[in-house]
Amino acid sequence: MQALNTERNNLQTLLTSTSAPAEMAQTGKRLKAIENEIGALEERWLELTEQIETAAV
């Protein structure tokens, strides 16, 4: 997850420094995919945390 966050930050920086439309589109697509993957990982983390808490009771 840390690697995804690092890549997301790098892509966000790249988006603000590039003006080539094709490069911006490619970067935006990758950024969206990373954000979706991070969201899925966070959701899974919450599910597992809830299962652990339930099992501990």
N, C-alpha and C. Protein backbone atom coordinates (compact mmCIF):
# COMPACT_ATOMS: atom_id res chain seq x y z
N MET A 1 0.83 -1.18 0.00
CA MET A 1 0.00 0.00 0.00
C MET A 1 0.88 1.25 0.00
N GLN A 2 2.01 1.16 0.69
CA GLN A 2 2.92 2.30 0.72
C GLN A 2 3.44 2.61 -0.68
N ALA A 3 3.74 1.58 -1.45
CA ALA A 3 4.22 1.78 -2.82
C ALA A 3 3.15 2.46 -3.68
N LEU A 4 1.90 2.08 -3.48
CA LEU A 4 0.81 2.71 -4.23
C LEU A 4 0.66 4.18 -3.85
N ASN A 5 0.76 4.48 -2.56
CA ASN A 5 0.67 5.87 -2.13
C ASN A 5 1.81 6.70 -2.69
N THR A 6 3.00 6.14 -2.74
CA THR A 6 4.15 6.84 -3.30
C THR A 6 3.94 7.11 -4.79
N GLU A 7 3.48 6.08 -5.50
CA GLU A 7 3.22 6.26 -6.93
C GLU A 7 2.12 7.28 -7.17
N ARG A 8 1.07 7.24 -6.34
CA ARG A 8 -0.02 8.21 -6.47
C ARG A 8 0.51 9.64 -6.29
N ASN A 9 1.35 9.86 -5.29
CA ASN A 9 1.93 11.18 -5.07
C ASN A 9 2.78 11.62 -6.24
N ASN A 10 3.57 10.70 -6.79
CA ASN A 10 4.40 11.02 -7.95
C ASN A 10 3.54 11.39 -9.16
N LEU A 11 2.47 10.65 -9.38
CA LEU A 11 1.58 10.93 -10.50
C LEU A 11 0.86 12.27 -10.32
N GLN A 12 0.46 12.58 -9.11
CA GLN A 12 -0.19 13.86 -8.85
C GLN A 12 0.77 15.01 -9.15
N THR A 13 2.02 14.84 -8.79
CA THR A 13 3.03 15.86 -9.09
C THR A 13 3.24 15.97 -10.60
N LEU A 14 3.30 14.84 -11.27
CA LEU A 14 3.47 14.83 -12.72
C LEU A 14 2.30 15.53 -13.41
N LEU A 15 1.10 15.33 -12.93
CA LEU A 15 -0.06 15.98 -13.54
C LEU A 15 0.03 17.51 -13.47
N THR A 16 0.60 18.01 -12.40
CA THR A 16 0.70 19.47 -12.27
C THR A 16 1.86 20.06 -13.05
N SER A 17 2.79 19.20 -13.51
CA SER A 17 3.95 19.73 -14.20
C SER A 17 3.96 19.44 -15.70
N THR A 18 3.00 18.70 -16.20
CA THR A 18 2.98 18.37 -17.62
C THR A 18 1.84 19.10 -18.32
N SER A 19 2.07 19.41 -19.57
CA SER A 19 1.01 20.07 -20.33
C SER A 19 0.65 19.28 -21.59
N ALA A 20 1.34 18.19 -21.84
CA ALA A 20 1.03 17.37 -23.00
C ALA A 20 -0.26 16.60 -22.74
N PRO A 21 -1.29 16.82 -23.55
CA PRO A 21 -2.59 16.17 -23.32
C PRO A 21 -2.51 14.65 -23.25
N ALA A 22 -1.75 14.03 -24.13
CA ALA A 22 -1.66 12.57 -24.13
C ALA A 22 -1.02 12.07 -22.83
N GLU A 23 0.01 12.76 -22.37
CA GLU A 23 0.68 12.37 -21.13
C GLU A 23 -0.24 12.58 -19.93
N MET A 24 -0.97 13.67 -19.96
CA MET A 24 -1.92 13.94 -18.87
C MET A 24 -3.00 12.87 -18.83
N ALA A 25 -3.49 12.46 -19.98
CA ALA A 25 -4.54 11.44 -20.04
C ALA A 25 -4.02 10.11 -19.50
N GLN A 26 -2.82 9.73 -19.93
CA GLN A 26 -2.23 8.48 -19.47
C GLN A 26 -1.99 8.51 -17.97
N THR A 27 -1.47 9.61 -17.48
CA THR A 27 -1.20 9.77 -16.05
C THR A 27 -2.50 9.74 -15.26
N GLY A 28 -3.51 10.41 -15.77
CA GLY A 28 -4.81 10.43 -15.10
C GLY A 28 -5.44 9.05 -15.01
N LYS A 29 -5.31 8.27 -16.07
CA LYS A 29 -5.84 6.90 -16.05
C LYS A 29 -5.13 6.04 -15.01
N ARG A 30 -3.81 6.15 -14.96
CA ARG A 30 -3.06 5.37 -13.98
C ARG A 30 -3.39 5.83 -12.57
N LEU A 31 -3.52 7.13 -12.38
CA LEU A 31 -3.87 7.68 -11.07
C LEU A 31 -5.23 7.15 -10.62
N LYS A 32 -6.18 7.10 -11.50
CA LYS A 32 -7.52 6.59 -11.17
C LYS A 32 -7.45 5.11 -10.78
N ALA A 33 -6.65 4.32 -11.52
CA ALA A 33 -6.51 2.90 -11.22
C ALA A 33 -5.88 2.71 -9.84
N ILE A 34 -4.88 3.51 -9.52
CA ILE A 34 -4.23 3.42 -8.22
C ILE A 34 -5.20 3.80 -7.10
N GLU A 35 -5.95 4.86 -7.30
CA GLU A 35 -6.92 5.28 -6.28
C GLU A 35 -7.98 4.20 -6.06
N ASN A 36 -8.41 3.54 -7.12
CA ASN A 36 -9.37 2.44 -6.98
C ASN A 36 -8.76 1.28 -6.21
N GLU A 37 -7.50 0.96 -6.51
CA GLU A 37 -6.83 -0.14 -5.82
C GLU A 37 -6.62 0.18 -4.34
N ILE A 38 -6.23 1.41 -4.04
CA ILE A 38 -6.06 1.82 -2.64
C ILE A 38 -7.39 1.74 -1.91
N GLY A 39 -8.45 2.19 -2.54
CA GLY A 39 -9.78 2.13 -1.94
C GLY A 39 -10.18 0.69 -1.62
N ALA A 40 -9.92 -0.21 -2.55
CA ALA A 40 -10.25 -1.63 -2.33
C ALA A 40 -9.43 -2.20 -1.18
N LEU A 41 -8.15 -1.85 -1.13
CA LEU A 41 -7.29 -2.34 -0.05
C LEU A 41 -7.73 -1.80 1.31
N GLU A 42 -8.11 -0.53 1.35
CA GLU A 42 -8.58 0.05 2.61
C GLU A 42 -9.87 -0.60 3.06
N GLU A 43 -10.76 -0.87 2.11
CA GLU A 43 -12.02 -1.53 2.44
C GLU A 43 -11.76 -2.93 2.99
N ARG A 44 -10.85 -3.65 2.38
CA ARG A 44 -10.50 -4.99 2.85
C ARG A 44 -9.88 -4.92 4.24
N TRP A 45 -9.04 -3.92 4.46
CA TRP A 45 -8.41 -3.72 5.77
C TRP A 45 -9.49 -3.54 6.85
N LEU A 46 -10.48 -2.73 6.55
CA LEU A 46 -11.56 -2.49 7.51
C LEU A 46 -12.35 -3.78 7.78
N GLU A 47 -12.60 -4.55 6.73
CA GLU A 47 -13.32 -5.82 6.90
C GLU A 47 -12.54 -6.76 7.80
N LEU A 48 -11.25 -6.88 7.56
CA LEU A 48 -10.43 -7.77 8.37
C LEU A 48 -10.34 -7.30 9.81
N THR A 49 -10.23 -6.00 10.00
CA THR A 49 -10.18 -5.45 11.35
C THR A 49 -11.48 -5.77 12.10
N GLU A 50 -12.60 -5.63 11.41
CA GLU A 50 -13.89 -5.94 12.02
C GLU A 50 -13.98 -7.43 12.38
N GLN A 51 -13.50 -8.29 11.50
CA GLN A 51 -13.52 -9.72 11.78
C GLN A 51 -12.64 -10.06 12.98
N ILE A 52 -11.50 -9.41 13.08
CA ILE A 52 -10.61 -9.65 14.22
C ILE A 52 -11.27 -9.21 15.52
N GLU A 53 -11.89 -8.04 15.49
CA GLU A 53 -12.57 -7.52 16.68
C GLU A 53 -13.72 -8.43 17.09
N THR A 54 -14.47 -8.93 16.12
CA THR A 54 -15.59 -9.83 16.39
C THR A 54 -15.08 -11.15 16.97
N ALA A 55 -13.99 -11.66 16.45
CA ALA A 55 -13.44 -12.92 16.92
C ALA A 55 -12.85 -12.79 18.31
N ALA A 56 -12.40 -11.61 18.66
CA ALA A 56 -11.78 -11.39 19.97
C ALA A 56 -12.82 -11.31 21.08
N VAL A 57 -14.07 -11.09 20.73
CA VAL A 57 -15.13 -10.95 21.74
C VAL A 57 -15.61 -12.24 22.23
